[in-house]
């Protein structure tokens, strides 16, 4: 529906001038207040957007580091299991006896050389 504003601006029927009432005017202080509120709200929105971008990048970096550390940990576990197996092979009793007999000339005693306790 179209409003008719023409009576407001029409010339008076008499000698007096038709003055627009004050209720349609916006005071300067009130407009400045809403501009300030808009400025603060826009600044808050921009700050929130930048904060969320920064927070997201920190989460992405943390997840990337976590993935790299998990890969490194898996490799270290595989290497450790191989080293533990190698240690078990090196510390086997049979291997040590063979090395000792070859290096120092020691051999296991024969059955006639064994002397048990006498009771």
N, C-alpha and C. Protein backbone atom coordinates (compact mmCIF):
# COMPACT_ATOMS: atom_id res chain seq x y z
N UNK A 1 0.84 -1.16 0.00
CA UNK A 1 0.00 0.00 0.00
C UNK A 1 0.90 1.24 0.00
N UNK A 2 0.57 2.21 -0.74
CA UNK A 2 1.36 3.42 -0.86
C UNK A 2 0.80 4.48 0.08
N UNK A 3 1.72 5.08 0.87
CA UNK A 3 1.28 6.13 1.79
C UNK A 3 1.28 7.46 1.06
N UNK A 4 0.41 8.28 1.46
CA UNK A 4 0.29 9.60 0.85
C UNK A 4 0.94 10.62 1.79
N UNK A 5 2.08 11.18 1.40
CA UNK A 5 2.80 12.16 2.21
C UNK A 5 2.52 13.60 1.73
N UNK A 6 1.71 13.75 0.75
CA UNK A 6 1.49 15.07 0.18
C UNK A 6 0.89 16.08 1.16
N UNK A 7 0.00 15.74 2.11
CA UNK A 7 -0.53 16.77 3.02
C UNK A 7 0.55 17.39 3.89
N UNK A 8 1.62 16.68 4.16
CA UNK A 8 2.70 17.22 4.98
C UNK A 8 3.42 18.36 4.28
N UNK A 9 3.58 18.24 2.99
CA UNK A 9 4.37 19.19 2.24
C UNK A 9 3.50 20.20 1.44
N UNK A 10 2.23 20.02 1.52
CA UNK A 10 1.34 20.92 0.76
C UNK A 10 1.32 22.30 1.43
N UNK A 11 1.11 23.28 0.66
CA UNK A 11 1.03 24.63 1.19
C UNK A 11 -0.21 24.80 2.07
N UNK A 12 -0.13 25.70 3.01
CA UNK A 12 -1.26 25.89 3.92
C UNK A 12 -2.46 26.55 3.23
N UNK A 13 -3.59 26.28 3.76
CA UNK A 13 -4.79 26.91 3.23
C UNK A 13 -4.87 28.36 3.70
N UNK A 14 -4.25 28.59 4.86
CA UNK A 14 -4.28 29.96 5.39
C UNK A 14 -2.93 30.62 5.20
N UNK A 15 -2.65 31.61 6.03
CA UNK A 15 -1.42 32.35 5.93
C UNK A 15 -0.27 31.69 6.67
N UNK A 16 -0.56 30.79 7.53
CA UNK A 16 0.50 30.15 8.33
C UNK A 16 1.20 29.06 7.53
N UNK A 17 2.47 28.86 7.81
CA UNK A 17 3.26 27.83 7.13
C UNK A 17 3.06 26.50 7.85
N UNK A 18 2.97 25.43 7.09
CA UNK A 18 2.82 24.09 7.67
C UNK A 18 4.22 23.56 8.00
N UNK A 19 4.57 23.40 9.29
CA UNK A 19 5.89 22.94 9.72
C UNK A 19 5.80 21.47 10.05
N UNK A 20 6.79 20.72 9.62
CA UNK A 20 6.84 19.28 9.91
C UNK A 20 7.07 19.10 11.40
N UNK A 21 6.42 18.14 11.99
CA UNK A 21 6.54 17.95 13.44
C UNK A 21 7.90 17.35 13.79
N UNK A 22 8.30 17.47 15.05
CA UNK A 22 9.60 17.00 15.52
C UNK A 22 9.66 15.47 15.64
N UNK A 23 8.58 14.80 15.70
CA UNK A 23 8.62 13.36 15.92
C UNK A 23 9.23 12.60 14.75
N UNK A 24 9.30 13.21 13.57
CA UNK A 24 9.88 12.53 12.41
C UNK A 24 11.38 12.78 12.29
N UNK A 25 11.94 13.71 13.06
CA UNK A 25 13.35 14.03 12.99
C UNK A 25 14.15 13.06 13.87
N UNK A 26 15.34 12.71 13.43
CA UNK A 26 16.24 11.86 14.21
C UNK A 26 17.26 12.78 14.86
N UNK A 27 17.36 12.68 16.17
CA UNK A 27 18.33 13.54 16.85
C UNK A 27 19.75 13.09 16.52
N UNK A 28 20.71 13.98 16.56
CA UNK A 28 22.09 13.67 16.19
C UNK A 28 22.71 12.70 17.19
N UNK A 29 22.41 12.84 18.46
CA UNK A 29 22.99 11.95 19.48
C UNK A 29 22.50 10.52 19.33
N UNK A 30 21.24 10.38 19.01
CA UNK A 30 20.68 9.05 18.85
C UNK A 30 21.29 8.33 17.65
N UNK A 31 21.49 9.03 16.56
CA UNK A 31 22.10 8.44 15.37
C UNK A 31 23.55 8.07 15.64
N UNK A 32 24.25 8.90 16.38
CA UNK A 32 25.64 8.61 16.72
C UNK A 32 25.75 7.38 17.62
N UNK A 33 24.78 7.25 18.53
CA UNK A 33 24.76 6.07 19.40
C UNK A 33 24.63 4.79 18.59
N UNK A 34 23.70 4.77 17.64
CA UNK A 34 23.50 3.55 16.85
C UNK A 34 24.67 3.29 15.91
N UNK A 35 25.33 4.35 15.45
CA UNK A 35 26.54 4.15 14.66
C UNK A 35 27.63 3.50 15.51
N UNK A 36 27.76 3.95 16.75
CA UNK A 36 28.74 3.35 17.65
C UNK A 36 28.42 1.89 17.95
N UNK A 37 27.14 1.60 18.17
CA UNK A 37 26.73 0.21 18.42
C UNK A 37 27.02 -0.65 17.21
N UNK A 38 26.75 -0.13 16.03
CA UNK A 38 27.04 -0.87 14.80
C UNK A 38 28.54 -1.10 14.62
N UNK A 39 29.34 -0.08 14.94
CA UNK A 39 30.79 -0.21 14.84
C UNK A 39 31.31 -1.27 15.80
N UNK A 40 30.83 -1.26 17.03
CA UNK A 40 31.27 -2.26 18.02
C UNK A 40 30.82 -3.66 17.60
N UNK A 41 29.59 -3.78 17.10
CA UNK A 41 29.09 -5.09 16.66
C UNK A 41 29.89 -5.60 15.47
N UNK A 42 30.19 -4.72 14.51
CA UNK A 42 30.98 -5.15 13.35
C UNK A 42 32.39 -5.54 13.78
N UNK A 43 32.98 -4.79 14.70
CA UNK A 43 34.31 -5.15 15.21
C UNK A 43 34.28 -6.49 15.93
N UNK A 44 33.23 -6.74 16.69
CA UNK A 44 33.11 -8.03 17.38
C UNK A 44 32.97 -9.18 16.41
N UNK A 45 32.21 -8.99 15.36
CA UNK A 45 32.04 -10.05 14.36
C UNK A 45 33.37 -10.33 13.65
N UNK A 46 34.09 -9.26 13.30
CA UNK A 46 35.39 -9.45 12.63
C UNK A 46 36.37 -10.14 13.57
N UNK A 47 36.39 -9.72 14.83
CA UNK A 47 37.27 -10.34 15.82
C UNK A 47 36.94 -11.81 16.01
N UNK A 48 35.64 -12.14 16.06
CA UNK A 48 35.22 -13.54 16.21
C UNK A 48 35.61 -14.38 15.00
N UNK A 49 35.48 -13.82 13.81
CA UNK A 49 35.86 -14.56 12.61
C UNK A 49 37.37 -14.82 12.58
N UNK A 50 38.17 -13.80 12.90
CA UNK A 50 39.62 -14.00 12.92
C UNK A 50 40.02 -14.98 14.02
N UNK A 51 39.36 -14.92 15.16
CA UNK A 51 39.65 -15.86 16.24
C UNK A 51 39.32 -17.29 15.86
N UNK A 52 38.21 -17.48 15.18
CA UNK A 52 37.85 -18.85 14.77
C UNK A 52 38.82 -19.38 13.72
N UNK A 53 39.28 -18.50 12.81
CA UNK A 53 40.27 -18.94 11.83
C UNK A 53 41.58 -19.33 12.51
N UNK A 54 42.02 -18.52 13.47
CA UNK A 54 43.25 -18.83 14.20
C UNK A 54 43.11 -20.13 14.99
N UNK A 55 41.97 -20.29 15.67
CA UNK A 55 41.74 -21.49 16.46
C UNK A 55 41.71 -22.73 15.57
N UNK A 56 41.07 -22.62 14.41
CA UNK A 56 41.03 -23.74 13.46
C UNK A 56 42.42 -24.11 12.95
N UNK A 57 43.25 -23.09 12.68
CA UNK A 57 44.60 -23.39 12.21
C UNK A 57 45.42 -24.06 13.32
N UNK A 58 45.22 -23.66 14.57
CA UNK A 58 45.93 -24.30 15.68
C UNK A 58 45.50 -25.77 15.81
N UNK A 59 44.23 -26.04 15.65
CA UNK A 59 43.75 -27.43 15.72
C UNK A 59 44.33 -28.25 14.58
N UNK A 60 44.35 -27.66 13.36
CA UNK A 60 44.92 -28.38 12.21
C UNK A 60 46.38 -28.69 12.42
N UNK A 61 47.14 -27.72 12.92
CA UNK A 61 48.57 -27.95 13.18
C UNK A 61 48.77 -29.01 14.25
N UNK A 62 47.95 -28.98 15.28
CA UNK A 62 48.06 -29.99 16.34
C UNK A 62 47.76 -31.39 15.83
N UNK A 63 46.74 -31.51 15.00
CA UNK A 63 46.41 -32.82 14.45
C UNK A 63 47.49 -33.32 13.50
N UNK A 64 48.11 -32.41 12.73
CA UNK A 64 49.20 -32.80 11.84
C UNK A 64 50.39 -33.30 12.66
N UNK A 65 50.73 -32.58 13.75
CA UNK A 65 51.82 -33.01 14.61
C UNK A 65 51.51 -34.35 15.27
N UNK A 66 50.27 -34.52 15.69
CA UNK A 66 49.87 -35.78 16.33
C UNK A 66 50.02 -36.95 15.36
N UNK A 67 49.61 -36.76 14.11
CA UNK A 67 49.76 -37.82 13.10
C UNK A 67 51.22 -38.16 12.84
N UNK A 68 52.06 -37.12 12.76
CA UNK A 68 53.49 -37.36 12.53
C UNK A 68 54.11 -38.11 13.70
N UNK A 69 53.71 -37.76 14.92
CA UNK A 69 54.25 -38.45 16.10
C UNK A 69 53.77 -39.89 16.17
N UNK A 70 52.54 -40.15 15.74
CA UNK A 70 52.05 -41.53 15.74
C UNK A 70 52.82 -42.38 14.73
N UNK A 71 53.13 -41.82 13.57
CA UNK A 71 53.91 -42.54 12.57
C UNK A 71 55.31 -42.81 13.12
N UNK A 72 55.92 -41.80 13.74
CA UNK A 72 57.26 -41.97 14.32
C UNK A 72 57.24 -43.01 15.44
N UNK A 73 56.19 -43.01 16.26
CA UNK A 73 56.07 -43.98 17.35
C UNK A 73 55.92 -45.41 16.80
N UNK A 74 55.14 -45.57 15.74
CA UNK A 74 54.99 -46.90 15.14
C UNK A 74 56.33 -47.40 14.58
N UNK A 75 57.09 -46.51 13.94
CA UNK A 75 58.40 -46.90 13.42
C UNK A 75 59.35 -47.26 14.56
N UNK A 76 59.31 -46.49 15.64
CA UNK A 76 60.17 -46.78 16.79
C UNK A 76 59.80 -48.11 17.44
N UNK A 77 58.52 -48.41 17.51
CA UNK A 77 58.10 -49.70 18.09
C UNK A 77 58.57 -50.86 17.22
N UNK A 78 58.47 -50.72 15.90
CA UNK A 78 58.93 -51.78 15.01
C UNK A 78 60.44 -51.98 15.16
N UNK A 79 61.17 -50.89 15.22
CA UNK A 79 62.61 -50.99 15.38
C UNK A 79 62.97 -51.60 16.73
N UNK A 80 62.25 -51.22 17.77
CA UNK A 80 62.51 -51.77 19.11
C UNK A 80 62.24 -53.27 19.15
N UNK A 81 61.15 -53.71 18.53
CA UNK A 81 60.88 -55.15 18.54
C UNK A 81 61.98 -55.92 17.80
N UNK A 82 62.50 -55.35 16.71
CA UNK A 82 63.61 -55.99 16.01
C UNK A 82 64.86 -56.04 16.87
N UNK A 83 65.15 -54.97 17.60
CA UNK A 83 66.32 -54.95 18.48
C UNK A 83 66.17 -55.92 19.64
N UNK A 84 64.98 -56.04 20.19
CA UNK A 84 64.75 -56.98 21.30
C UNK A 84 64.95 -58.41 20.80
N UNK A 85 64.45 -58.70 19.60
CA UNK A 85 64.63 -60.04 19.04
C UNK A 85 66.11 -60.32 18.79
N UNK A 86 66.83 -59.33 18.27
CA UNK A 86 68.28 -59.50 18.06
C UNK A 86 69.02 -59.72 19.37
N UNK A 87 68.61 -59.03 20.43
CA UNK A 87 69.25 -59.21 21.74
C UNK A 87 69.00 -60.63 22.27
N UNK A 88 67.78 -61.11 22.08
CA UNK A 88 67.48 -62.47 22.53
C UNK A 88 68.35 -63.49 21.78
N UNK A 89 68.54 -63.26 20.49
CA UNK A 89 69.38 -64.17 19.72
C UNK A 89 70.84 -64.10 20.17
N UNK A 90 71.32 -62.89 20.46
CA UNK A 90 72.71 -62.73 20.91
C UNK A 90 72.94 -63.30 22.30
N UNK A 91 71.93 -63.24 23.16
CA UNK A 91 72.08 -63.69 24.54
C UNK A 91 71.65 -65.15 24.75
N UNK A 92 71.40 -65.85 23.66
CA UNK A 92 71.01 -67.27 23.80
C UNK A 92 72.17 -68.05 24.41
N UNK A 93 71.85 -68.99 25.31
CA UNK A 93 72.87 -69.76 26.03
C UNK A 93 73.75 -70.58 25.10
N UNK A 94 73.14 -71.20 24.11
CA UNK A 94 73.89 -72.04 23.19
C UNK A 94 74.93 -71.22 22.42
N UNK A 95 74.53 -70.03 21.97
CA UNK A 95 75.45 -69.18 21.21
C UNK A 95 76.61 -68.75 22.09
N UNK A 96 76.33 -68.38 23.33
CA UNK A 96 77.39 -67.93 24.24
C UNK A 96 78.36 -69.08 24.52
N UNK A 97 77.84 -70.29 24.73
CA UNK A 97 78.72 -71.45 24.98
C UNK A 97 79.61 -71.74 23.78
N UNK A 98 79.05 -71.64 22.58
CA UNK A 98 79.84 -71.90 21.38
C UNK A 98 80.93 -70.84 21.25
N UNK A 99 80.61 -69.57 21.44
CA UNK A 99 81.61 -68.50 21.34
C UNK A 99 82.70 -68.64 22.40
N UNK A 100 82.30 -69.00 23.61
CA UNK A 100 83.27 -69.15 24.68
C UNK A 100 84.20 -70.33 24.41
N UNK A 101 83.66 -71.42 23.91
CA UNK A 101 84.50 -72.59 23.64
C UNK A 101 85.48 -72.31 22.51
N UNK A 102 85.06 -71.53 21.49
CA UNK A 102 85.96 -71.22 20.39
C UNK A 102 87.05 -70.22 20.81
N UNK A 103 86.70 -69.25 21.61
CA UNK A 103 87.66 -68.21 21.98
C UNK A 103 88.64 -68.65 23.07
N UNK A 104 88.17 -69.38 24.06
CA UNK A 104 89.04 -69.71 25.18
C UNK A 104 89.40 -71.20 25.27
N UNK A 105 88.88 -71.98 24.37
CA UNK A 105 89.22 -73.39 24.36
C UNK A 105 88.48 -74.19 25.44
N UNK A 106 87.38 -73.68 25.94
CA UNK A 106 86.61 -74.39 26.95
C UNK A 106 85.55 -75.23 26.26
N UNK A 107 85.38 -76.45 26.79
CA UNK A 107 84.37 -77.36 26.25
C UNK A 107 83.54 -77.90 27.39
N UNK A 108 82.39 -78.41 27.08
CA UNK A 108 81.54 -79.02 28.10
C UNK A 108 82.22 -80.30 28.61
N UNK A 109 82.10 -80.58 29.89
CA UNK A 109 82.75 -81.79 30.44
C UNK A 109 82.07 -83.07 29.93
N UNK A 110 82.86 -84.10 29.84
CA UNK A 110 82.30 -85.39 29.44
C UNK A 110 81.65 -86.02 30.66
N UNK A 111 80.98 -87.14 30.46
CA UNK A 111 80.25 -87.79 31.56
C UNK A 111 81.21 -88.30 32.64
N UNK A 112 82.40 -88.71 32.27
CA UNK A 112 83.36 -89.21 33.24
C UNK A 112 83.98 -88.11 34.08
N UNK A 113 83.93 -86.91 33.60
CA UNK A 113 84.53 -85.80 34.33
C UNK A 113 83.59 -85.19 35.37
N UNK A 114 82.32 -85.52 35.31
CA UNK A 114 81.37 -84.95 36.25
C UNK A 114 81.46 -85.67 37.58
N UNK A 115 81.60 -84.91 38.63
CA UNK A 115 81.65 -85.49 39.98
C UNK A 115 80.48 -84.88 40.75
N UNK A 116 79.68 -85.73 41.30
CA UNK A 116 78.55 -85.24 42.07
C UNK A 116 78.86 -85.26 43.55
N UNK A 117 78.01 -84.74 44.34
CA UNK A 117 78.24 -84.74 45.79
C UNK A 117 78.10 -86.13 46.36
N UNK A 118 78.90 -86.46 47.40
CA UNK A 118 78.85 -87.77 48.05
C UNK A 118 78.14 -87.63 49.39
N UNK A 119 77.12 -88.41 49.58
CA UNK A 119 76.40 -88.38 50.87
C UNK A 119 76.53 -89.67 51.57
